[in-house]
Amino acid sequence: MRFASAPSPGQAALGVLDGSADVCWGGPMRVMQAYAQAPDCDLVHFAEVVTRDPFLLLGRTPRPAFSLRDLPGLRVGTVSEVPTPWMCLQEDLRRAGVAPASLDRVADRTMADNAAALRRGDLDVVQVFEPFAAALEAEGAGHVWYAAARRGPTSYTTFYTRRAMLRDRRVELHGMVRAIHRSLQFVARADGAAIAAAIAGFFPDVLPALLTTACGRYKALGIWGTTPVLPRVGYDRLLSGLVSGGFVPRGTPFEVAVDNSLAEQVLAENPPLLD
């Protein structure tokens, strides 16, 4: 197996379409973008891993009674690196009766920049993922006000390929989905410390205590699925945000972009748990 990084997140799906990659790790957002640009493309999700939105809103002081209706009037720094976090948050705002355009929003800075601005007091609220949240909390510089995962399933990260690849390399992809399922089952049984220990080698610059906190929070929020089956409710929730936010005109129907057959086969096989 050979791993390769796309030049940018937006080009990952193009690598699958042009044959330079067989399988891509990414969000349904990029697949919907590909279908919007080329309606006859044949990309298909075959295994989900991140089933809920991993982003959080942190403010400078504790606010246990926070509501999204409290955001207007505050200086808010949102994620600029990728579009999905804001697309999902703006849909949350709409459903809460808040016009996204009413926010005093800083939309062109990195999460690191926004975290630094929160520490200085230049922003009131920032949208970040882990381990930024754990670091801000540990310093006493930030407090979690809102966890986007609380909205429920919102398909965030999957494996996808072309339909021909799903047919022609089904044996290999079956083994891959089986491994994903077993890994997800390990996460489902483990606590934050065990998950952090398993992945620490990939995050050498993150302090072990912060990594444990981050993994424990994500586990409690149900960020990772317990099986590789991609649920329709999570896909449709993401689609709603991408359409209302203007990222795609209509979105791609679940039946077109999702094939759960391998995931369901592995689930029926019930492979042994990882030690």
C-alpha atoms as a PDB file:
ATOM      1  CA  MET A   1       0.000   0.000   0.000  1.00  0.00           C
ATOM      2  CA  ARG A   2       1.362   3.428  -0.917  1.00  0.00           C
ATOM      3  CA  PHE A   3       0.191   6.611   0.781  1.00  0.00           C
ATOM      4  CA  ALA A   4       0.244   9.962  -1.002  1.00  0.00           C
ATOM      5  CA  SER A   5      -0.905  13.439  -0.005  1.00  0.00           C
ATOM      6  CA  ALA A   6      -2.986  15.541  -2.361  1.00  0.00           C
ATOM      7  CA  PRO A   7      -1.524  18.990  -3.207  1.00  0.00           C
ATOM      8  CA  SER A   8      -4.631  20.455  -1.559  1.00  0.00           C
ATOM      9  CA  PRO A   9      -7.827  19.008  -0.042  1.00  0.00           C
ATOM     10  CA  GLY A  10      -9.804  20.069  -3.081  1.00  0.00           C
ATOM     11  CA  GLN A  11      -7.588  18.040  -5.421  1.00  0.00           C
ATOM     12  CA  ALA A  12      -7.876  14.724  -3.583  1.00  0.00           C
ATOM     13  CA  ALA A  13     -10.963  13.581  -5.472  1.00  0.00           C
ATOM     14  CA  LEU A  14      -9.321  14.543  -8.761  1.00  0.00           C
ATOM     15  CA  GLY A  15      -6.533  12.070  -8.002  1.00  0.00           C
ATOM     16  CA  VAL A  16      -9.057   9.251  -7.836  1.00  0.00           C
ATOM     17  CA  LEU A  17     -10.753  10.389 -11.030  1.00  0.00           C
ATOM     18  CA  ASP A  18      -7.507  10.662 -13.011  1.00  0.00           C
ATOM     19  CA  GLY A  19      -6.206   7.301 -11.755  1.00  0.00           C
ATOM     20  CA  SER A  20      -3.234   8.622  -9.772  1.00  0.00           C
ATOM     21  CA  ALA A  21      -4.909   7.251  -6.620  1.00  0.00           C
ATOM     22  CA  ASP A  22      -7.168   4.247  -6.149  1.00  0.00           C
ATOM     23  CA  VAL A  23      -8.843   5.242  -2.887  1.00  0.00           C
ATOM     24  CA  CYS A  24      -9.223   8.573  -1.148  1.00  0.00           C
ATOM     25  CA  TRP A  25      -9.676   9.450   2.530  1.00  0.00           C
ATOM     26  CA  GLY A  26     -11.868  12.529   2.741  1.00  0.00           C
ATOM     27  CA  GLY A  27     -15.271  14.002   3.205  1.00  0.00           C
ATOM     28  CA  PRO A  28     -18.512  13.610   1.255  1.00  0.00           C
ATOM     29  CA  MET A  29     -18.222  17.347   0.675  1.00  0.00           C
ATOM     30  CA  ARG A  30     -15.444  16.777  -1.874  1.00  0.00           C
ATOM     31  CA  VAL A  31     -17.392  14.053  -3.633  1.00  0.00           C
ATOM     32  CA  MET A  32     -20.449  16.319  -3.897  1.00  0.00           C
ATOM     33  CA  GLN A  33     -18.156  19.013  -5.288  1.00  0.00           C
ATOM     34  CA  ALA A  34     -16.881  16.567  -7.912  1.00  0.00           C
ATOM     35  CA  TYR A  35     -20.440  15.631  -8.928  1.00  0.00           C
ATOM     36  CA  ALA A  36     -21.370  19.312  -9.160  1.00  0.00           C
ATOM     37  CA  GLN A  37     -18.484  19.846 -11.574  1.00  0.00           C
ATOM     38  CA  ALA A  38     -18.921  16.562 -13.474  1.00  0.00           C
ATOM     39  CA  PRO A  39     -22.428  15.069 -12.984  1.00  0.00           C
ATOM     40  CA  ASP A  40     -21.441  11.863 -14.795  1.00  0.00           C
ATOM     41  CA  CYS A  41     -18.523  11.044 -12.493  1.00  0.00           C
ATOM     42  CA  ASP A  42     -18.682   7.740 -10.624  1.00  0.00           C
ATOM     43  CA  LEU A  43     -17.174   8.404  -7.195  1.00  0.00           C
ATOM     44  CA  VAL A  44     -18.714   6.420  -4.372  1.00  0.00           C
ATOM     45  CA  HIS A  45     -18.230   6.268  -0.589  1.00  0.00           C
ATOM     46  CA  PHE A  46     -17.781   2.728   0.691  1.00  0.00           C
ATOM     47  CA  ALA A  47     -16.710   3.141   4.331  1.00  0.00           C
ATOM     48  CA  GLU A  48     -17.288   5.871   6.899  1.00  0.00           C
ATOM     49  CA  VAL A  49     -15.003   6.594   9.864  1.00  0.00           C
ATOM     50  CA  VAL A  50     -15.842  10.053  11.223  1.00  0.00           C
ATOM     51  CA  THR A  51     -19.601  10.120  11.623  1.00  0.00           C
ATOM     52  CA  ARG A  52     -20.040  13.389  13.594  1.00  0.00           C
ATOM     53  CA  ASP A  53     -18.706  16.923  13.250  1.00  0.00           C
ATOM     54  CA  PRO A  54     -15.451  17.213  15.267  1.00  0.00           C
ATOM     55  CA  PHE A  55     -15.421  21.016  15.550  1.00  0.00           C
ATOM     56  CA  LEU A  56     -16.043  23.030  18.703  1.00  0.00           C
ATOM     57  CA  LEU A  57     -16.757  26.633  19.619  1.00  0.00           C
ATOM     58  CA  LEU A  58     -14.635  27.974  22.470  1.00  0.00           C
ATOM     59  CA  GLY A  59     -15.062  31.264  24.274  1.00  0.00           C
ATOM     60  CA  ARG A  60     -12.766  33.116  26.678  1.00  0.00           C
ATOM     61  CA  THR A  61     -14.931  32.567  29.768  1.00  0.00           C
ATOM     62  CA  PRO A  62     -17.162  29.695  30.901  1.00  0.00           C
ATOM     63  CA  ARG A  63     -20.697  29.887  29.493  1.00  0.00           C
ATOM     64  CA  PRO A  64     -22.652  26.746  30.379  1.00  0.00           C
ATOM     65  CA  ALA A  65     -25.971  28.192  29.173  1.00  0.00           C
ATOM     66  CA  PHE A  66     -24.602  29.153  25.756  1.00  0.00           C
ATOM     67  CA  SER A  67     -26.912  29.046  22.751  1.00  0.00           C
ATOM     68  CA  LEU A  68     -26.104  29.705  19.101  1.00  0.00           C
ATOM     69  CA  ARG A  69     -28.524  32.614  19.400  1.00  0.00           C
ATOM     70  CA  ASP A  70     -25.869  34.274  21.576  1.00  0.00           C
ATOM     71  CA  LEU A  71     -23.317  34.546  18.757  1.00  0.00           C
ATOM     72  CA  PRO A  72     -24.531  37.780  17.099  1.00  0.00           C
ATOM     73  CA  GLY A  73     -22.660  40.669  18.692  1.00  0.00           C
ATOM     74  CA  LEU A  74     -19.581  38.552  19.438  1.00  0.00           C
ATOM     75  CA  ARG A  75     -16.357  38.472  17.422  1.00  0.00           C
ATOM     76  CA  VAL A  76     -16.195  34.958  15.943  1.00  0.00           C
ATOM     77  CA  GLY A  77     -13.223  33.316  14.239  1.00  0.00           C
ATOM     78  CA  THR A  78     -14.241  30.429  11.965  1.00  0.00           C
ATOM     79  CA  VAL A  79     -12.180  27.799  10.188  1.00  0.00           C
ATOM     80  CA  SER A  80     -10.568  28.896   6.919  1.00  0.00           C
ATOM     81  CA  GLU A  81      -8.523  25.801   6.085  1.00  0.00           C
ATOM     82  CA  VAL A  82     -11.487  23.790   4.778  1.00  0.00           C
ATOM     83  CA  PRO A  83     -15.116  24.778   4.054  1.00  0.00           C
ATOM     84  CA  THR A  84     -17.070  22.007   5.797  1.00  0.00           C
ATOM     85  CA  PRO A  85     -16.910  23.339   9.404  1.00  0.00           C
ATOM     86  CA  TRP A  86     -18.448  26.673   8.440  1.00  0.00           C
ATOM     87  CA  MET A  87     -20.961  25.070   6.059  1.00  0.00           C
ATOM     88  CA  CYS A  88     -22.218  22.909   8.925  1.00  0.00           C
ATOM     89  CA  LEU A  89     -22.198  25.734  11.483  1.00  0.00           C
ATOM     90  CA  GLN A  90     -24.074  28.134   9.218  1.00  0.00           C
ATOM     91  CA  GLU A  91     -26.769  25.468   8.791  1.00  0.00           C
ATOM     92  CA  ASP A  92     -26.942  25.109  12.588  1.00  0.00           C
ATOM     93  CA  LEU A  93     -27.371  28.876  12.838  1.00  0.00           C
ATOM     94  CA  ARG A  94     -30.177  28.887  10.270  1.00  0.00           C
ATOM     95  CA  ARG A  95     -32.001  26.146  12.173  1.00  0.00           C
ATOM     96  CA  ALA A  96     -31.573  28.163  15.380  1.00  0.00           C
ATOM     97  CA  GLY A  97     -33.124  31.226  13.710  1.00  0.00           C
ATOM     98  CA  VAL A  98     -29.848  33.153  13.331  1.00  0.00           C
ATOM     99  CA  ALA A  99     -28.829  34.640   9.992  1.00  0.00           C
ATOM    100  CA  PRO A 100     -25.220  33.558   9.319  1.00  0.00           C
ATOM    101  CA  ALA A 101     -24.485  36.961   7.777  1.00  0.00           C
ATOM    102  CA  SER A 102     -25.352  38.633  11.084  1.00  0.00           C
ATOM    103  CA  LEU A 103     -22.166  37.344  12.701  1.00  0.00           C
ATOM    104  CA  ASP A 104     -19.110  39.535  13.200  1.00  0.00           C
ATOM    105  CA  ARG A 105     -16.982  36.830  11.627  1.00  0.00           C
ATOM    106  CA  VAL A 106     -13.274  36.527  10.894  1.00  0.00           C
ATOM    107  CA  ALA A 107     -13.157  33.956   8.103  1.00  0.00           C
ATOM    108  CA  ASP A 108      -9.636  34.212   6.640  1.00  0.00           C
ATOM    109  CA  ARG A 109      -7.331  33.095   9.469  1.00  0.00           C
ATOM    110  CA  THR A 110      -6.037  29.674  10.432  1.00  0.00           C
ATOM    111  CA  MET A 111      -7.172  27.876  13.553  1.00  0.00           C
ATOM    112  CA  ALA A 112      -3.743  28.556  15.090  1.00  0.00           C
ATOM    113  CA  ASP A 113      -4.130  32.272  14.352  1.00  0.00           C
ATOM    114  CA  ASN A 114      -7.632  32.318  15.815  1.00  0.00           C
ATOM    115  CA  ALA A 115      -6.512  30.456  18.937  1.00  0.00           C
ATOM    116  CA  ALA A 116      -3.802  33.060  19.446  1.00  0.00           C
ATOM    117  CA  ALA A 117      -6.370  35.827  18.927  1.00  0.00           C
ATOM    118  CA  LEU A 118      -8.632  34.270  21.571  1.00  0.00           C
ATOM    119  CA  ARG A 119      -5.719  34.249  24.017  1.00  0.00           C
ATOM    120  CA  ARG A 120      -5.079  37.950  23.334  1.00  0.00           C
ATOM    121  CA  GLY A 121      -8.730  38.842  23.643  1.00  0.00           C
ATOM    122  CA  ASP A 122      -9.008  39.904  19.990  1.00  0.00           C
ATOM    123  CA  LEU A 123     -11.761  37.331  19.426  1.00  0.00           C
ATOM    124  CA  ASP A 124     -14.611  36.266  21.671  1.00  0.00           C
ATOM    125  CA  VAL A 125     -15.266  32.838  20.129  1.00  0.00           C
ATOM    126  CA  VAL A 126     -13.230  30.502  17.912  1.00  0.00           C
ATOM    127  CA  GLN A 127     -14.143  27.430  15.894  1.00  0.00           C
ATOM    128  CA  VAL A 128     -11.435  24.764  16.212  1.00  0.00           C
ATOM    129  CA  PHE A 129     -10.876  21.048  16.365  1.00  0.00           C
ATOM    130  CA  GLU A 130      -8.619  19.046  18.634  1.00  0.00           C
ATOM    131  CA  PRO A 131      -5.987  19.448  19.985  1.00  0.00           C
ATOM    132  CA  PHE A 132      -6.491  23.230  19.797  1.00  0.00           C
ATOM    133  CA  ALA A 133      -9.457  22.956  22.150  1.00  0.00           C
ATOM    134  CA  ALA A 134      -7.604  20.840  24.707  1.00  0.00           C
ATOM    135  CA  ALA A 135      -4.627  23.228  24.632  1.00  0.00           C
ATOM    136  CA  LEU A 136      -6.780  26.332  25.143  1.00  0.00           C
ATOM    137  CA  GLU A 137      -8.601  24.651  28.019  1.00  0.00           C
ATOM    138  CA  ALA A 138      -5.356  23.552  29.673  1.00  0.00           C
ATOM    139  CA  GLU A 139      -4.103  27.139  29.577  1.00  0.00           C
ATOM    140  CA  GLY A 140      -7.364  28.510  30.928  1.00  0.00           C
ATOM    141  CA  ALA A 141      -7.580  30.610  27.769  1.00  0.00           C
ATOM    142  CA  GLY A 142     -10.657  28.924  26.308  1.00  0.00           C
ATOM    143  CA  HIS A 143     -13.801  27.101  27.382  1.00  0.00           C
ATOM    144  CA  VAL A 144     -15.984  24.846  25.235  1.00  0.00           C
ATOM    145  CA  TRP A 145     -19.313  26.514  24.535  1.00  0.00           C
ATOM    146  CA  TYR A 146     -20.654  24.325  21.746  1.00  0.00           C
ATOM    147  CA  ALA A 147     -19.787  20.908  20.319  1.00  0.00           C
ATOM    148  CA  ALA A 148     -21.058  20.508  16.757  1.00  0.00           C
ATOM    149  CA  ALA A 149     -21.255  16.746  17.308  1.00  0.00           C
ATOM    150  CA  ARG A 150     -24.248  17.328  19.577  1.00  0.00           C
ATOM    151  CA  ARG A 151     -26.422  17.934  16.500  1.00  0.00           C
ATOM    152  CA  GLY A 152     -26.179  14.227  15.697  1.00  0.00           C
ATOM    153  CA  PRO A 153     -24.761  12.282  12.744  1.00  0.00           C
ATOM    154  CA  THR A 154     -23.104  14.441  10.085  1.00  0.00           C
ATOM    155  CA  SER A 155     -20.926  12.344   7.808  1.00  0.00           C
ATOM    156  CA  TYR A 156     -17.483  13.898   7.919  1.00  0.00           C
ATOM    157  CA  THR A 157     -14.761  11.526   6.759  1.00  0.00           C
ATOM    158  CA  THR A 158     -15.003   8.444   4.586  1.00  0.00           C
ATOM    159  CA  PHE A 159     -13.081   6.310   2.155  1.00  0.00           C
ATOM    160  CA  TYR A 160     -14.227   6.646  -1.443  1.00  0.00           C
ATOM    161  CA  THR A 161     -13.235   5.356  -4.857  1.00  0.00           C
ATOM    162  CA  ARG A 162     -14.665   4.913  -8.347  1.00  0.00           C
ATOM    163  CA  ARG A 163     -17.429   2.383  -8.876  1.00  0.00           C
ATOM    164  CA  ALA A 164     -15.260   0.382 -11.272  1.00  0.00           C
ATOM    165  CA  MET A 165     -12.561   0.107  -8.611  1.00  0.00           C
ATOM    166  CA  LEU A 166     -15.155  -1.031  -6.071  1.00  0.00           C
ATOM    167  CA  ARG A 167     -16.135  -3.795  -8.492  1.00  0.00           C
ATOM    168  CA  ASP A 168     -12.715  -4.806  -9.839  1.00  0.00           C
ATOM    169  CA  ARG A 169     -10.707  -4.678  -6.590  1.00  0.00           C
ATOM    170  CA  ARG A 170     -13.448  -5.880  -4.303  1.00  0.00           C
ATOM    171  CA  VAL A 171     -11.324  -8.485  -2.517  1.00  0.00           C
ATOM    172  CA  GLU A 172      -8.688  -5.923  -1.518  1.00  0.00           C
ATOM    173  CA  LEU A 173     -11.268  -3.326  -0.537  1.00  0.00           C
ATOM    174  CA  HIS A 174     -13.132  -5.924   1.497  1.00  0.00           C
ATOM    175  CA  GLY A 175      -9.961  -6.482   3.511  1.00  0.00           C
ATOM    176  CA  MET A 176      -9.581  -2.743   3.961  1.00  0.00           C
ATOM    177  CA  VAL A 177     -13.151  -2.293   5.212  1.00  0.00           C
ATOM    178  CA  ARG A 178     -12.709  -5.267   7.532  1.00  0.00           C
ATOM    179  CA  ALA A 179      -9.653  -3.582   9.050  1.00  0.00           C
ATOM    180  CA  ILE A 180     -11.558  -0.302   9.404  1.00  0.00           C
ATOM    181  CA  HIS A 181     -14.401  -2.074  11.182  1.00  0.00           C
ATOM    182  CA  ARG A 182     -12.043  -3.792  13.610  1.00  0.00           C
ATOM    183  CA  SER A 183     -10.297  -0.472  14.311  1.00  0.00           C
ATOM    184  CA  LEU A 184     -13.601   1.261  14.981  1.00  0.00           C
ATOM    185  CA  GLN A 185     -14.562  -1.538  17.340  1.00  0.00           C
ATOM    186  CA  PHE A 186     -11.290  -1.030  19.204  1.00  0.00           C
ATOM    187  CA  VAL A 187     -12.084   2.685  19.574  1.00  0.00           C
ATOM    188  CA  ALA A 188     -15.594   1.857  20.762  1.00  0.00           C
ATOM    189  CA  ARG A 189     -14.170  -0.250  23.604  1.00  0.00           C
ATOM    190  CA  ALA A 190     -11.196   1.960  24.503  1.00  0.00           C
ATOM    191  CA  ASP A 191     -11.006   5.069  26.674  1.00  0.00           C
ATOM    192  CA  GLY A 192      -9.258   8.311  25.789  1.00  0.00           C
ATOM    193  CA  ALA A 193      -5.927   7.215  27.230  1.00  0.00           C
ATOM    194  CA  ALA A 194      -5.893   3.965  25.249  1.00  0.00           C
ATOM    195  CA  ILE A 195      -6.818   5.708  22.002  1.00  0.00           C
ATOM    196  CA  ALA A 196      -4.154   8.366  22.623  1.00  0.00           C
ATOM    197  CA  ALA A 197      -1.536   5.699  23.293  1.00  0.00           C
ATOM    198  CA  ALA A 198      -2.409   3.924  20.039  1.00  0.00           C
ATOM    199  CA  ILE A 199      -1.982   7.038  17.892  1.00  0.00           C
ATOM    200  CA  ALA A 200       0.707   8.964  19.809  1.00  0.00           C
ATOM    201  CA  GLY A 201       3.359   8.145  17.216  1.00  0.00           C
ATOM    202  CA  PHE A 202       1.457  10.164  14.615  1.00  0.00           C
ATOM    203  CA  PHE A 203       1.348  13.249  16.865  1.00  0.00           C
ATOM    204  CA  PRO A 204       4.856  13.634  18.329  1.00  0.00           C
ATOM    205  CA  ASP A 205       4.390  17.358  18.930  1.00  0.00           C
ATOM    206  CA  VAL A 206       1.230  16.977  21.038  1.00  0.00           C
ATOM    207  CA  LEU A 207       1.719  16.565  24.771  1.00  0.00           C
ATOM    208  CA  PRO A 208       0.400  13.165  25.945  1.00  0.00           C
ATOM    209  CA  ALA A 209      -1.999  14.765  28.435  1.00  0.00           C
ATOM    210  CA  LEU A 210      -3.521  16.960  25.720  1.00  0.00           C
ATOM    211  CA  LEU A 211      -3.831  14.021  23.329  1.00  0.00           C
ATOM    212  CA  THR A 212      -5.588  11.989  26.015  1.00  0.00           C
ATOM    213  CA  THR A 213      -8.010  14.842  26.713  1.00  0.00           C
ATOM    214  CA  ALA A 214      -8.692  15.321  23.002  1.00  0.00           C
ATOM    215  CA  CYS A 215      -9.311  11.615  22.376  1.00  0.00           C
ATOM    216  CA  GLY A 216     -11.488  11.315  25.459  1.00  0.00           C
ATOM    217  CA  ARG A 217     -13.649  14.220  24.356  1.00  0.00           C
ATOM    218  CA  TYR A 218     -14.041  12.881  20.843  1.00  0.00           C
ATOM    219  CA  LYS A 219     -14.894   9.442  22.165  1.00  0.00           C
ATOM    220  CA  ALA A 220     -17.557  10.922  24.476  1.00  0.00           C
ATOM    221  CA  LEU A 221     -19.016  12.931  21.599  1.00  0.00           C
ATOM    222  CA  GLY A 222     -19.285   9.881  19.332  1.00  0.00           C
ATOM    223  CA  ILE A 223     -17.069  11.408  16.662  1.00  0.00           C
ATOM    224  CA  TRP A 224     -16.016   8.023  15.309  1.00  0.00           C
ATOM    225  CA  GLY A 225     -18.581   5.562  14.053  1.00  0.00           C
ATOM    226  CA  THR A 226     -18.832   2.097  15.540  1.00  0.00           C
ATOM    227  CA  THR A 227     -19.117   0.491  12.088  1.00  0.00           C
ATOM    228  CA  PRO A 228     -18.022   1.584   8.591  1.00  0.00           C
ATOM    229  CA  VAL A 229     -21.647   1.825   7.407  1.00  0.00           C
ATOM    230  CA  LEU A 230     -22.408   5.393   6.299  1.00  0.00           C
ATOM    231  CA  PRO A 231     -25.897   6.310   7.597  1.00  0.00           C
ATOM    232  CA  ARG A 232     -28.281   8.207   5.352  1.00  0.00           C
ATOM    233  CA  VAL A 233     -29.210  10.627   8.145  1.00  0.00           C
ATOM    234  CA  GLY A 234     -25.590  11.761   8.497  1.00  0.00           C
ATOM    235  CA  TYR A 235     -25.097  12.137   4.757  1.00  0.00           C
ATOM    236  CA  ASP A 236     -28.318  14.105   4.321  1.00  0.00           C
ATOM    237  CA  ARG A 237     -27.462  16.428   7.211  1.00  0.00           C
ATOM    238  CA  LEU A 238     -24.165  17.322   5.577  1.00  0.00           C
ATOM    239  CA  LEU A 239     -25.891  17.750   2.218  1.00  0.00           C
ATOM    240  CA  SER A 240     -28.321  20.261   3.760  1.00  0.00           C
ATOM    241  CA  GLY A 241     -25.475  22.420   5.031  1.00  0.00           C
ATOM    242  CA  LEU A 242     -23.562  22.356   1.763  1.00  0.00           C
ATOM    243  CA  VAL A 243     -26.661  23.376  -0.189  1.00  0.00           C
ATOM    244  CA  SER A 244     -27.847  26.103   2.195  1.00  0.00           C
ATOM    245  CA  GLY A 245     -24.287  27.465   2.372  1.00  0.00           C
ATOM    246  CA  GLY A 246     -24.042  27.639  -1.421  1.00  0.00           C
ATOM    247  CA  PHE A 247     -21.149  25.185  -1.722  1.00  0.00           C
ATOM    248  CA  VAL A 248     -23.079  23.000  -4.173  1.00  0.00           C
ATOM    249  CA  PRO A 249     -26.351  23.825  -5.957  1.00  0.00           C
ATOM    250  CA  ARG A 250     -28.316  20.643  -5.118  1.00  0.00           C
ATOM    251  CA  GLY A 251     -26.006  18.069  -3.589  1.00  0.00           C
ATOM    252  CA  THR A 252     -25.664  14.473  -4.705  1.00  0.00           C
ATOM    253  CA  PRO A 253     -28.344  11.958  -3.631  1.00  0.00           C
ATOM    254  CA  PHE A 254     -27.333   9.283  -1.142  1.00  0.00           C
ATOM    255  CA  GLU A 255     -28.202   6.523  -3.633  1.00  0.00           C
ATOM    256  CA  VAL A 256     -25.752   7.951  -6.173  1.00  0.00           C
ATOM    257  CA  ALA A 257     -22.757   8.597  -3.938  1.00  0.00           C
ATOM    258  CA  VAL A 258     -22.910   5.862  -1.273  1.00  0.00           C
ATOM    259  CA  ASP A 259     -22.439   2.096  -1.511  1.00  0.00           C
ATOM    260  CA  ASN A 260     -22.592   0.398   1.884  1.00  0.00           C
ATOM    261  CA  SER A 261     -22.488  -3.138   0.503  1.00  0.00           C
ATOM    262  CA  LEU A 262     -18.939  -3.934   1.628  1.00  0.00           C
ATOM    263  CA  ALA A 263     -19.508  -2.372   5.032  1.00  0.00           C
ATOM    264  CA  GLU A 264     -22.703  -4.345   5.507  1.00  0.00           C
ATOM    265  CA  GLN A 265     -20.958  -7.549   4.398  1.00  0.00           C
ATOM    266  CA  VAL A 266     -18.193  -7.050   6.958  1.00  0.00           C
ATOM    267  CA  LEU A 267     -20.760  -6.268   9.637  1.00  0.00           C
ATOM    268  CA  ALA A 268     -22.546  -9.535   8.888  1.00  0.00           C
ATOM    269  CA  GLU A 269     -19.263 -11.463   9.013  1.00  0.00           C
ATOM    270  CA  ASN A 270     -18.578 -10.114  12.514  1.00  0.00           C
ATOM    271  CA  PRO A 271     -14.743 -10.383  12.372  1.00  0.00           C
ATOM    272  CA  PRO A 272     -12.802 -10.919  15.628  1.00  0.00           C
ATOM    273  CA  LEU A 273     -11.953  -7.931  17.790  1.00  0.00           C
ATOM    274  CA  LEU A 274      -8.472  -6.450  17.906  1.00  0.00           C
ATOM    275  CA  ASP A 275      -6.477  -7.174  21.059  1.00  0.00           C
END
